[in-house]
ModelCIF file with pLDDT and N, C-alpha, C, O atoms, coordinates in Angstrom:
data_MODEL
#
_entry.id   MODEL 
#
_entity.id                         1 
_entity.type                       polymer 
_entity.pdbx_number_of_molecules   1 
#
_entity_poly.entity_id                      1 
_entity_poly.type                           'polypeptide(L)' 
_entity_poly.nstd_linkage                   no 
_entity_poly.nstd_monomer                   no 
_entity_poly.pdbx_seq_one_letter_code       VESGGGLVQPGGSLRLSCAASGSIFRINGMRWFRQGPGEQRTLVAQVT 
_entity_poly.pdbx_seq_one_letter_code_can   VESGGGLVQPGGSLRLSCAASGSIFRINGMRWFRQGPGEQRTLVAQVT 
_entity_poly.pdbx_strand_id                 A 
#
loop_
_entity_poly_seq.entity_id 
_entity_poly_seq.num 
_entity_poly_seq.mon_id 
_entity_poly_seq.hetero 
1 1  VAL n 
1 2  GLU n 
1 3  SER n 
1 4  GLY n 
1 5  GLY n 
1 6  GLY n 
1 7  LEU n 
1 8  VAL n 
1 9  GLN n 
1 10 PRO n 
1 11 GLY n 
1 12 GLY n 
1 13 SER n 
1 14 LEU n 
1 15 ARG n 
1 16 LEU n 
1 17 SER n 
1 18 CYS n 
1 19 ALA n 
1 20 ALA n 
1 21 SER n 
1 22 GLY n 
1 23 SER n 
1 24 ILE n 
1 25 PHE n 
1 26 ARG n 
1 27 ILE n 
1 28 ASN n 
1 29 GLY n 
1 30 MET n 
1 31 ARG n 
1 32 TRP n 
1 33 PHE n 
1 34 ARG n 
1 35 GLN n 
1 36 GLY n 
1 37 PRO n 
1 38 GLY n 
1 39 GLU n 
1 40 GLN n 
1 41 ARG n 
1 42 THR n 
1 43 LEU n 
1 44 VAL n 
1 45 ALA n 
1 46 GLN n 
1 47 VAL n 
1 48 THR n 
#
_struct_asym.id          A 
_struct_asym.entity_id   1 
#
loop_
_ma_qa_metric.id 
_ma_qa_metric.mode 
_ma_qa_metric.name 
_ma_qa_metric.software_group_id 
_ma_qa_metric.type 
1 global pLDDT . pLDDT 
2 local  pLDDT . pLDDT 
#
_ma_qa_metric_global.metric_id      1 
_ma_qa_metric_global.metric_value   95.98 
_ma_qa_metric_global.model_id       1 
_ma_qa_metric_global.ordinal_id     1 
#
loop_
_ma_qa_metric_local.label_asym_id 
_ma_qa_metric_local.label_comp_id 
_ma_qa_metric_local.label_seq_id 
_ma_qa_metric_local.metric_id 
_ma_qa_metric_local.metric_value 
_ma_qa_metric_local.model_id 
_ma_qa_metric_local.ordinal_id 
A VAL 1  2 97.00 1 1  
A GLU 2  2 97.00 1 2  
A SER 3  2 97.00 1 3  
A GLY 4  2 97.00 1 4  
A GLY 5  2 95.00 1 5  
A GLY 6  2 96.00 1 6  
A LEU 7  2 98.00 1 7  
A VAL 8  2 98.00 1 8  
A GLN 9  2 98.00 1 9  
A PRO 10 2 98.00 1 10 
A GLY 11 2 98.00 1 11 
A GLY 12 2 98.00 1 12 
A SER 13 2 98.00 1 13 
A LEU 14 2 98.00 1 14 
A ARG 15 2 98.00 1 15 
A LEU 16 2 98.00 1 16 
A SER 17 2 98.00 1 17 
A CYS 18 2 97.00 1 18 
A ALA 19 2 97.00 1 19 
A ALA 20 2 97.00 1 20 
A SER 21 2 96.00 1 21 
A GLY 22 2 96.00 1 22 
A SER 23 2 95.00 1 23 
A ILE 24 2 95.00 1 24 
A PHE 25 2 94.00 1 25 
A ARG 26 2 93.00 1 26 
A ILE 27 2 93.00 1 27 
A ASN 28 2 93.00 1 28 
A GLY 29 2 94.00 1 29 
A MET 30 2 95.00 1 30 
A ARG 31 2 97.00 1 31 
A TRP 32 2 98.00 1 32 
A PHE 33 2 98.00 1 33 
A ARG 34 2 98.00 1 34 
A GLN 35 2 98.00 1 35 
A GLY 36 2 95.00 1 36 
A PRO 37 2 87.00 1 37 
A GLY 38 2 90.00 1 38 
A GLU 39 2 94.00 1 39 
A GLN 40 2 96.00 1 40 
A ARG 41 2 97.00 1 41 
A THR 42 2 97.00 1 42 
A LEU 43 2 97.00 1 43 
A VAL 44 2 98.00 1 44 
A ALA 45 2 98.00 1 45 
A GLN 46 2 97.00 1 46 
A VAL 47 2 94.00 1 47 
A THR 48 2 86.00 1 48 
#
loop_
_atom_site.group_PDB 
_atom_site.id 
_atom_site.type_symbol 
_atom_site.label_atom_id 
_atom_site.label_alt_id 
_atom_site.label_comp_id 
_atom_site.label_asym_id 
_atom_site.label_entity_id 
_atom_site.label_seq_id 
_atom_site.pdbx_PDB_ins_code 
_atom_site.Cartn_x 
_atom_site.Cartn_y 
_atom_site.Cartn_z 
_atom_site.occupancy 
_atom_site.B_iso_or_equiv 
_atom_site.pdbx_formal_charge 
_atom_site.auth_seq_id 
_atom_site.auth_comp_id 
_atom_site.auth_asym_id 
_atom_site.auth_atom_id 
_atom_site.pdbx_PDB_model_num 
ATOM 1   N N  . VAL A 1 1  ? 61.332 74.956 104.976 1.00 97.00 ? 1  VAL A N  1 
ATOM 2   C CA . VAL A 1 1  ? 60.619 74.732 103.760 1.00 97.00 ? 1  VAL A CA 1 
ATOM 3   C C  . VAL A 1 1  ? 61.019 75.874 102.710 1.00 97.00 ? 1  VAL A C  1 
ATOM 4   O O  . VAL A 1 1  ? 60.827 77.059 102.979 1.00 97.00 ? 1  VAL A O  1 
ATOM 5   N N  . GLU A 1 2  ? 61.560 75.474 101.554 1.00 97.00 ? 2  GLU A N  1 
ATOM 6   C CA . GLU A 1 2  ? 61.984 76.425 100.557 1.00 97.00 ? 2  GLU A CA 1 
ATOM 7   C C  . GLU A 1 2  ? 60.922 76.619 99.519  1.00 97.00 ? 2  GLU A C  1 
ATOM 8   O O  . GLU A 1 2  ? 60.117 75.719 99.278  1.00 97.00 ? 2  GLU A O  1 
ATOM 9   N N  . SER A 1 3  ? 60.901 77.781 98.896  1.00 97.00 ? 3  SER A N  1 
ATOM 10  C CA . SER A 1 3  ? 60.061 78.070 97.777  1.00 97.00 ? 3  SER A CA 1 
ATOM 11  C C  . SER A 1 3  ? 60.569 79.150 96.955  1.00 97.00 ? 3  SER A C  1 
ATOM 12  O O  . SER A 1 3  ? 61.421 79.883 97.457  1.00 97.00 ? 3  SER A O  1 
ATOM 13  N N  . GLY A 1 4  ? 60.144 79.381 95.669  1.00 97.00 ? 4  GLY A N  1 
ATOM 14  C CA . GLY A 1 4  ? 60.410 80.464 94.921  1.00 97.00 ? 4  GLY A CA 1 
ATOM 15  C C  . GLY A 1 4  ? 61.383 80.181 93.575  1.00 97.00 ? 4  GLY A C  1 
ATOM 16  O O  . GLY A 1 4  ? 61.622 81.070 92.757  1.00 97.00 ? 4  GLY A O  1 
ATOM 17  N N  . GLY A 1 5  ? 61.855 78.952 93.478  1.00 95.00 ? 5  GLY A N  1 
ATOM 18  C CA . GLY A 1 5  ? 62.631 78.507 92.437  1.00 95.00 ? 5  GLY A CA 1 
ATOM 19  C C  . GLY A 1 5  ? 61.807 78.440 91.073  1.00 95.00 ? 5  GLY A C  1 
ATOM 20  O O  . GLY A 1 5  ? 60.607 78.705 91.003  1.00 95.00 ? 5  GLY A O  1 
ATOM 21  N N  . GLY A 1 6  ? 62.570 78.067 90.044  1.00 96.00 ? 6  GLY A N  1 
ATOM 22  C CA . GLY A 1 6  ? 61.874 78.020 88.705  1.00 96.00 ? 6  GLY A CA 1 
ATOM 23  C C  . GLY A 1 6  ? 62.820 78.271 87.579  1.00 96.00 ? 6  GLY A C  1 
ATOM 24  O O  . GLY A 1 6  ? 64.033 78.272 87.787  1.00 96.00 ? 6  GLY A O  1 
ATOM 25  N N  . LEU A 1 7  ? 62.330 78.478 86.429  1.00 98.00 ? 7  LEU A N  1 
ATOM 26  C CA . LEU A 1 7  ? 63.053 78.759 85.144  1.00 98.00 ? 7  LEU A CA 1 
ATOM 27  C C  . LEU A 1 7  ? 62.873 80.315 84.796  1.00 98.00 ? 7  LEU A C  1 
ATOM 28  O O  . LEU A 1 7  ? 61.781 80.881 84.785  1.00 98.00 ? 7  LEU A O  1 
ATOM 29  N N  . VAL A 1 8  ? 63.999 80.869 84.539  1.00 98.00 ? 8  VAL A N  1 
ATOM 30  C CA . VAL A 1 8  ? 64.004 82.392 84.190  1.00 98.00 ? 8  VAL A CA 1 
ATOM 31  C C  . VAL A 1 8  ? 65.149 82.481 83.105  1.00 98.00 ? 8  VAL A C  1 
ATOM 32  O O  . VAL A 1 8  ? 66.070 81.668 83.016  1.00 98.00 ? 8  VAL A O  1 
ATOM 33  N N  . GLN A 1 9  ? 64.967 83.566 82.304  1.00 98.00 ? 9  GLN A N  1 
ATOM 34  C CA . GLN A 1 9  ? 65.858 83.928 81.232  1.00 98.00 ? 9  GLN A CA 1 
ATOM 35  C C  . GLN A 1 9  ? 67.072 84.552 81.835  1.00 98.00 ? 9  GLN A C  1 
ATOM 36  O O  . GLN A 1 9  ? 66.985 85.087 82.940  1.00 98.00 ? 9  GLN A O  1 
ATOM 37  N N  . PRO A 1 10 ? 68.203 84.516 81.176  1.00 98.00 ? 10 PRO A N  1 
ATOM 38  C CA . PRO A 1 10 ? 69.356 85.274 81.581  1.00 98.00 ? 10 PRO A CA 1 
ATOM 39  C C  . PRO A 1 10 ? 69.050 86.733 81.778  1.00 98.00 ? 10 PRO A C  1 
ATOM 40  O O  . PRO A 1 10 ? 68.278 87.317 81.018  1.00 98.00 ? 10 PRO A O  1 
ATOM 41  N N  . GLY A 1 11 ? 69.644 87.331 82.790  1.00 98.00 ? 11 GLY A N  1 
ATOM 42  C CA . GLY A 1 11 ? 69.110 88.740 83.109  1.00 98.00 ? 11 GLY A CA 1 
ATOM 43  C C  . GLY A 1 11 ? 67.990 88.913 83.916  1.00 98.00 ? 11 GLY A C  1 
ATOM 44  O O  . GLY A 1 11 ? 67.710 90.025 84.364  1.00 98.00 ? 11 GLY A O  1 
ATOM 45  N N  . GLY A 1 12 ? 67.217 87.767 84.183  1.00 98.00 ? 12 GLY A N  1 
ATOM 46  C CA . GLY A 1 12 ? 66.013 87.883 85.008  1.00 98.00 ? 12 GLY A CA 1 
ATOM 47  C C  . GLY A 1 12 ? 66.289 87.755 86.481  1.00 98.00 ? 12 GLY A C  1 
ATOM 48  O O  . GLY A 1 12 ? 67.421 87.649 86.953  1.00 98.00 ? 12 GLY A O  1 
ATOM 49  N N  . SER A 1 13 ? 65.158 87.774 87.179  1.00 98.00 ? 13 SER A N  1 
ATOM 50  C CA . SER A 1 13 ? 65.288 87.674 88.729  1.00 98.00 ? 13 SER A CA 1 
ATOM 51  C C  . SER A 1 13 ? 64.459 86.659 89.275  1.00 98.00 ? 13 SER A C  1 
ATOM 52  O O  . SER A 1 13 ? 63.462 86.227 88.698  1.00 98.00 ? 13 SER A O  1 
ATOM 53  N N  . LEU A 1 14 ? 64.916 86.227 90.526  1.00 98.00 ? 14 LEU A N  1 
ATOM 54  C CA . LEU A 1 14 ? 64.050 85.314 91.302  1.00 98.00 ? 14 LEU A CA 1 
ATOM 55  C C  . LEU A 1 14 ? 64.317 85.572 92.764  1.00 98.00 ? 14 LEU A C  1 
ATOM 56  O O  . LEU A 1 14 ? 65.405 85.994 93.156  1.00 98.00 ? 14 LEU A O  1 
ATOM 57  N N  . ARG A 1 15 ? 63.345 85.321 93.528  1.00 98.00 ? 15 ARG A N  1 
ATOM 58  C CA . ARG A 1 15 ? 63.383 85.512 94.978  1.00 98.00 ? 15 ARG A CA 1 
ATOM 59  C C  . ARG A 1 15 ? 63.051 84.179 95.700  1.00 98.00 ? 15 ARG A C  1 
ATOM 60  O O  . ARG A 1 15 ? 61.922 83.693 95.635  1.00 98.00 ? 15 ARG A O  1 
ATOM 61  N N  . LEU A 1 16 ? 64.102 83.582 96.412  1.00 98.00 ? 16 LEU A N  1 
ATOM 62  C CA . LEU A 1 16 ? 63.990 82.394 97.152  1.00 98.00 ? 16 LEU A CA 1 
ATOM 63  C C  . LEU A 1 16 ? 63.572 82.632 98.612  1.00 98.00 ? 16 LEU A C  1 
ATOM 64  O O  . LEU A 1 16 ? 64.118 83.551 99.221  1.00 98.00 ? 16 LEU A O  1 
ATOM 65  N N  . SER A 1 17 ? 62.674 81.898 99.199  1.00 98.00 ? 17 SER A N  1 
ATOM 66  C CA . SER A 1 17 ? 62.341 81.999 100.498 1.00 98.00 ? 17 SER A CA 1 
ATOM 67  C C  . SER A 1 17 ? 62.591 80.688 101.218 1.00 98.00 ? 17 SER A C  1 
ATOM 68  O O  . SER A 1 17 ? 62.486 79.635 100.588 1.00 98.00 ? 17 SER A O  1 
ATOM 69  N N  . CYS A 1 18 ? 62.938 80.694 102.589 1.00 97.00 ? 18 CYS A N  1 
ATOM 70  C CA . CYS A 1 18 ? 63.183 79.614 103.400 1.00 97.00 ? 18 CYS A CA 1 
ATOM 71  C C  . CYS A 1 18 ? 62.562 79.860 104.769 1.00 97.00 ? 18 CYS A C  1 
ATOM 72  O O  . CYS A 1 18 ? 63.047 80.761 105.453 1.00 97.00 ? 18 CYS A O  1 
ATOM 73  N N  . ALA A 1 19 ? 61.617 79.206 105.201 1.00 97.00 ? 19 ALA A N  1 
ATOM 74  C CA . ALA A 1 19 ? 60.821 79.350 106.343 1.00 97.00 ? 19 ALA A CA 1 
ATOM 75  C C  . ALA A 1 19 ? 61.165 78.273 107.338 1.00 97.00 ? 19 ALA A C  1 
ATOM 76  O O  . ALA A 1 19 ? 61.099 77.092 106.996 1.00 97.00 ? 19 ALA A O  1 
ATOM 77  N N  . ALA A 1 20 ? 61.553 78.647 108.631 1.00 97.00 ? 20 ALA A N  1 
ATOM 78  C CA . ALA A 1 20 ? 61.874 77.636 109.690 1.00 97.00 ? 20 ALA A CA 1 
ATOM 79  C C  . ALA A 1 20 ? 60.755 77.604 110.647 1.00 97.00 ? 20 ALA A C  1 
ATOM 80  O O  . ALA A 1 20 ? 60.096 78.612 110.902 1.00 97.00 ? 20 ALA A O  1 
ATOM 81  N N  . SER A 1 21 ? 60.515 76.334 111.234 1.00 96.00 ? 21 SER A N  1 
ATOM 82  C CA . SER A 1 21 ? 59.516 76.117 112.092 1.00 96.00 ? 21 SER A CA 1 
ATOM 83  C C  . SER A 1 21 ? 59.929 74.917 113.008 1.00 96.00 ? 21 SER A C  1 
ATOM 84  O O  . SER A 1 21 ? 60.772 74.094 112.651 1.00 96.00 ? 21 SER A O  1 
ATOM 85  N N  . GLY A 1 22 ? 59.288 74.870 114.200 1.00 96.00 ? 22 GLY A N  1 
ATOM 86  C CA . GLY A 1 22 ? 59.642 73.847 115.208 1.00 96.00 ? 22 GLY A CA 1 
ATOM 87  C C  . GLY A 1 22 ? 60.171 74.496 116.397 1.00 96.00 ? 22 GLY A C  1 
ATOM 88  O O  . GLY A 1 22 ? 59.897 75.669 116.650 1.00 96.00 ? 22 GLY A O  1 
ATOM 89  N N  . SER A 1 23 ? 60.926 73.772 117.146 1.00 95.00 ? 23 SER A N  1 
ATOM 90  C CA . SER A 1 23 ? 61.537 74.181 118.460 1.00 95.00 ? 23 SER A CA 1 
ATOM 91  C C  . SER A 1 23 ? 62.595 75.070 118.206 1.00 95.00 ? 23 SER A C  1 
ATOM 92  O O  . SER A 1 23 ? 63.692 74.555 117.993 1.00 95.00 ? 23 SER A O  1 
ATOM 93  N N  . ILE A 1 24 ? 62.492 76.427 118.180 1.00 95.00 ? 24 ILE A N  1 
ATOM 94  C CA . ILE A 1 24 ? 63.461 77.466 117.892 1.00 95.00 ? 24 ILE A CA 1 
ATOM 95  C C  . ILE A 1 24 ? 63.550 78.385 119.097 1.00 95.00 ? 24 ILE A C  1 
ATOM 96  O O  . ILE A 1 24 ? 62.605 79.113 119.399 1.00 95.00 ? 24 ILE A O  1 
ATOM 97  N N  . PHE A 1 25 ? 64.638 78.355 119.759 1.00 94.00 ? 25 PHE A N  1 
ATOM 98  C CA . PHE A 1 25 ? 64.916 79.319 120.865 1.00 94.00 ? 25 PHE A CA 1 
ATOM 99  C C  . PHE A 1 25 ? 65.692 80.576 120.310 1.00 94.00 ? 25 PHE A C  1 
ATOM 100 O O  . PHE A 1 25 ? 65.368 81.720 120.630 1.00 94.00 ? 25 PHE A O  1 
ATOM 101 N N  . ARG A 1 26 ? 66.703 80.301 119.487 1.00 93.00 ? 26 ARG A N  1 
ATOM 102 C CA . ARG A 1 26 ? 67.515 81.331 119.042 1.00 93.00 ? 26 ARG A CA 1 
ATOM 103 C C  . ARG A 1 26 ? 68.078 80.911 117.645 1.00 93.00 ? 26 ARG A C  1 
ATOM 104 O O  . ARG A 1 26 ? 68.411 79.736 117.490 1.00 93.00 ? 26 ARG A O  1 
ATOM 105 N N  . ILE A 1 27 ? 68.202 81.803 116.624 1.00 93.00 ? 27 ILE A N  1 
ATOM 106 C CA . ILE A 1 27 ? 68.812 81.549 115.388 1.00 93.00 ? 27 ILE A CA 1 
ATOM 107 C C  . ILE A 1 27 ? 70.102 82.273 115.394 1.00 93.00 ? 27 ILE A C  1 
ATOM 108 O O  . ILE A 1 27 ? 70.107 83.493 115.554 1.00 93.00 ? 27 ILE A O  1 
ATOM 109 N N  . ASN A 1 28 ? 71.231 81.583 115.227 1.00 93.00 ? 28 ASN A N  1 
ATOM 110 C CA . ASN A 1 28 ? 72.581 82.275 115.087 1.00 93.00 ? 28 ASN A CA 1 
ATOM 111 C C  . ASN A 1 28 ? 72.948 82.623 113.704 1.00 93.00 ? 28 ASN A C  1 
ATOM 112 O O  . ASN A 1 28 ? 73.565 83.667 113.495 1.00 93.00 ? 28 ASN A O  1 
ATOM 113 N N  . GLY A 1 29 ? 72.613 81.819 112.728 1.00 94.00 ? 29 GLY A N  1 
ATOM 114 C CA . GLY A 1 29 ? 72.971 82.016 111.319 1.00 94.00 ? 29 GLY A CA 1 
ATOM 115 C C  . GLY A 1 29 ? 72.079 81.456 110.357 1.00 94.00 ? 29 GLY A C  1 
ATOM 116 O O  . GLY A 1 29 ? 71.394 80.471 110.631 1.00 94.00 ? 29 GLY A O  1 
ATOM 117 N N  . MET A 1 30 ? 72.045 82.044 109.207 1.00 95.00 ? 30 MET A N  1 
ATOM 118 C CA . MET A 1 30 ? 71.167 81.520 108.146 1.00 95.00 ? 30 MET A CA 1 
ATOM 119 C C  . MET A 1 30 ? 71.907 81.609 106.865 1.00 95.00 ? 30 MET A C  1 
ATOM 120 O O  . MET A 1 30 ? 72.452 82.684 106.614 1.00 95.00 ? 30 MET A O  1 
ATOM 121 N N  . ARG A 1 31 ? 72.004 80.631 106.014 1.00 97.00 ? 31 ARG A N  1 
ATOM 122 C CA . ARG A 1 31 ? 72.896 80.462 104.873 1.00 97.00 ? 31 ARG A CA 1 
ATOM 123 C C  . ARG A 1 31 ? 72.194 79.900 103.723 1.00 97.00 ? 31 ARG A C  1 
ATOM 124 O O  . ARG A 1 31 ? 71.205 79.188 103.900 1.00 97.00 ? 31 ARG A O  1 
ATOM 125 N N  . TRP A 1 32 ? 72.663 80.186 102.486 1.00 98.00 ? 32 TRP A N  1 
ATOM 126 C CA . TRP A 1 32 ? 72.191 79.644 101.395 1.00 98.00 ? 32 TRP A CA 1 
ATOM 127 C C  . TRP A 1 32 ? 73.407 79.012 100.665 1.00 98.00 ? 32 TRP A C  1 
ATOM 128 O O  . TRP A 1 32 ? 74.470 79.613 100.507 1.00 98.00 ? 32 TRP A O  1 
ATOM 129 N N  . PHE A 1 33 ? 73.158 77.718 100.223 1.00 98.00 ? 33 PHE A N  1 
ATOM 130 C CA . PHE A 1 33 ? 74.161 76.959 99.396  1.00 98.00 ? 33 PHE A CA 1 
ATOM 131 C C  . PHE A 1 33 ? 73.573 76.631 98.039  1.00 98.00 ? 33 PHE A C  1 
ATOM 132 O O  . PHE A 1 33 ? 72.358 76.671 97.844  1.00 98.00 ? 33 PHE A O  1 
ATOM 133 N N  . ARG A 1 34 ? 74.453 76.308 97.107  1.00 98.00 ? 34 ARG A N  1 
ATOM 134 C CA . ARG A 1 34 ? 74.023 75.671 95.882  1.00 98.00 ? 34 ARG A CA 1 
ATOM 135 C C  . ARG A 1 34 ? 74.877 74.627 95.409  1.00 98.00 ? 34 ARG A C  1 
ATOM 136 O O  . ARG A 1 34 ? 76.043 74.564 95.800  1.00 98.00 ? 34 ARG A O  1 
ATOM 137 N N  . GLN A 1 35 ? 74.382 73.774 94.574  1.00 98.00 ? 35 GLN A N  1 
ATOM 138 C CA . GLN A 1 35 ? 75.159 72.628 93.978  1.00 98.00 ? 35 GLN A CA 1 
ATOM 139 C C  . GLN A 1 35 ? 74.686 72.552 92.489  1.00 98.00 ? 35 GLN A C  1 
ATOM 140 O O  . GLN A 1 35 ? 73.535 72.214 92.211  1.00 98.00 ? 35 GLN A O  1 
ATOM 141 N N  . GLY A 1 36 ? 75.549 72.857 91.610  1.00 95.00 ? 36 GLY A N  1 
ATOM 142 C CA . GLY A 1 36 ? 75.332 72.629 90.249  1.00 95.00 ? 36 GLY A CA 1 
ATOM 143 C C  . GLY A 1 36 ? 75.623 71.354 89.705  1.00 95.00 ? 36 GLY A C  1 
ATOM 144 O O  . GLY A 1 36 ? 76.141 70.543 90.473  1.00 95.00 ? 36 GLY A O  1 
ATOM 145 N N  . PRO A 1 37 ? 75.391 71.000 88.506  1.00 87.00 ? 37 PRO A N  1 
ATOM 146 C CA . PRO A 1 37 ? 75.665 69.656 87.941  1.00 87.00 ? 37 PRO A CA 1 
ATOM 147 C C  . PRO A 1 37 ? 77.184 69.279 87.936  1.00 87.00 ? 37 PRO A C  1 
ATOM 148 O O  . PRO A 1 37 ? 78.010 69.938 87.306  1.00 87.00 ? 37 PRO A O  1 
ATOM 149 N N  . GLY A 1 38 ? 77.480 68.231 88.642  1.00 90.00 ? 38 GLY A N  1 
ATOM 150 C CA . GLY A 1 38 ? 78.747 67.698 88.638  1.00 90.00 ? 38 GLY A CA 1 
ATOM 151 C C  . GLY A 1 38 ? 79.650 68.515 89.658  1.00 90.00 ? 38 GLY A C  1 
ATOM 152 O O  . GLY A 1 38 ? 80.869 68.360 89.598  1.00 90.00 ? 38 GLY A O  1 
ATOM 153 N N  . GLU A 1 39 ? 79.123 69.336 90.547  1.00 94.00 ? 39 GLU A N  1 
ATOM 154 C CA . GLU A 1 39 ? 79.842 70.158 91.460  1.00 94.00 ? 39 GLU A CA 1 
ATOM 155 C C  . GLU A 1 39 ? 79.635 69.843 92.808  1.00 94.00 ? 39 GLU A C  1 
ATOM 156 O O  . GLU A 1 39 ? 78.655 69.158 93.100  1.00 94.00 ? 39 GLU A O  1 
ATOM 157 N N  . GLN A 1 40 ? 80.447 70.258 93.723  1.00 96.00 ? 40 GLN A N  1 
ATOM 158 C CA . GLN A 1 40 ? 80.106 70.078 95.171  1.00 96.00 ? 40 GLN A CA 1 
ATOM 159 C C  . GLN A 1 40 ? 79.277 71.358 95.613  1.00 96.00 ? 40 GLN A C  1 
ATOM 160 O O  . GLN A 1 40 ? 79.212 72.407 94.972  1.00 96.00 ? 40 GLN A O  1 
ATOM 161 N N  . ARG A 1 41 ? 78.666 71.088 96.803  1.00 97.00 ? 41 ARG A N  1 
ATOM 162 C CA . ARG A 1 41 ? 77.879 72.224 97.352  1.00 97.00 ? 41 ARG A CA 1 
ATOM 163 C C  . ARG A 1 41 ? 78.739 73.402 97.899  1.00 97.00 ? 41 ARG A C  1 
ATOM 164 O O  . ARG A 1 41 ? 79.682 73.198 98.664  1.00 97.00 ? 41 ARG A O  1 
ATOM 165 N N  . THR A 1 42 ? 78.411 74.517 97.517  1.00 97.00 ? 42 THR A N  1 
ATOM 166 C CA . THR A 1 42 ? 79.199 75.701 97.815  1.00 97.00 ? 42 THR A CA 1 
ATOM 167 C C  . THR A 1 42 ? 78.416 76.845 98.553  1.00 97.00 ? 42 THR A C  1 
ATOM 168 O O  . THR A 1 42 ? 77.206 76.932 98.344  1.00 97.00 ? 42 THR A O  1 
ATOM 169 N N  . LEU A 1 43 ? 78.982 77.652 99.332  1.00 97.00 ? 43 LEU A N  1 
ATOM 170 C CA . LEU A 1 43 ? 78.244 78.600 100.064 1.00 97.00 ? 43 LEU A CA 1 
ATOM 171 C C  . LEU A 1 43 ? 77.982 79.805 99.149  1.00 97.00 ? 43 LEU A C  1 
ATOM 172 O O  . LEU A 1 43 ? 78.919 80.274 98.502  1.00 97.00 ? 43 LEU A O  1 
ATOM 173 N N  . VAL A 1 44 ? 76.818 80.295 99.073  1.00 98.00 ? 44 VAL A N  1 
ATOM 174 C CA . VAL A 1 44 ? 76.380 81.421 98.255  1.00 98.00 ? 44 VAL A CA 1 
ATOM 175 C C  . VAL A 1 44 ? 76.408 82.673 99.061  1.00 98.00 ? 44 VAL A C  1 
ATOM 176 O O  . VAL A 1 44 ? 77.063 83.646 98.688  1.00 98.00 ? 44 VAL A O  1 
ATOM 177 N N  . ALA A 1 45 ? 75.647 82.667 100.256 1.00 98.00 ? 45 ALA A N  1 
ATOM 178 C CA . ALA A 1 45 ? 75.470 83.939 101.067 1.00 98.00 ? 45 ALA A CA 1 
ATOM 179 C C  . ALA A 1 45 ? 75.079 83.435 102.439 1.00 98.00 ? 45 ALA A C  1 
ATOM 180 O O  . ALA A 1 45 ? 74.511 82.356 102.609 1.00 98.00 ? 45 ALA A O  1 
ATOM 181 N N  . GLN A 1 46 ? 75.431 84.318 103.462 1.00 97.00 ? 46 GLN A N  1 
ATOM 182 C CA . GLN A 1 46 ? 75.042 84.044 104.832 1.00 97.00 ? 46 GLN A CA 1 
ATOM 183 C C  . GLN A 1 46 ? 74.849 85.321 105.542 1.00 97.00 ? 46 GLN A C  1 
ATOM 184 O O  . GLN A 1 46 ? 75.373 86.356 105.132 1.00 97.00 ? 46 GLN A O  1 
ATOM 185 N N  . VAL A 1 47 ? 74.042 85.271 106.695 1.00 94.00 ? 47 VAL A N  1 
ATOM 186 C CA . VAL A 1 47 ? 73.760 86.356 107.599 1.00 94.00 ? 47 VAL A CA 1 
ATOM 187 C C  . VAL A 1 47 ? 73.772 85.701 108.944 1.00 94.00 ? 47 VAL A C  1 
ATOM 188 O O  . VAL A 1 47 ? 73.196 84.639 109.181 1.00 94.00 ? 47 VAL A O  1 
ATOM 189 N N  . THR A 1 48 ? 74.515 86.451 109.880 1.00 86.00 ? 48 THR A N  1 
ATOM 190 C CA . THR A 1 48 ? 74.488 85.968 111.297 1.00 86.00 ? 48 THR A CA 1 
ATOM 191 C C  . THR A 1 48 ? 73.578 86.711 112.111 1.00 86.00 ? 48 THR A C  1 
ATOM 192 O O  . THR A 1 48 ? 73.446 86.431 113.302 1.00 86.00 ? 48 THR A O  1 
#
């Protein structure tokens, strides 16, 4: 479940959150992707 998006002015800041729930034994990696208008999905950041 993601939260924290919205509309901001250039130079501003936002903090996105992503909470995982369910049957989780171990998490190996967490990633953020984005897809702009007319673009393919691309990797923004990841942590292992």
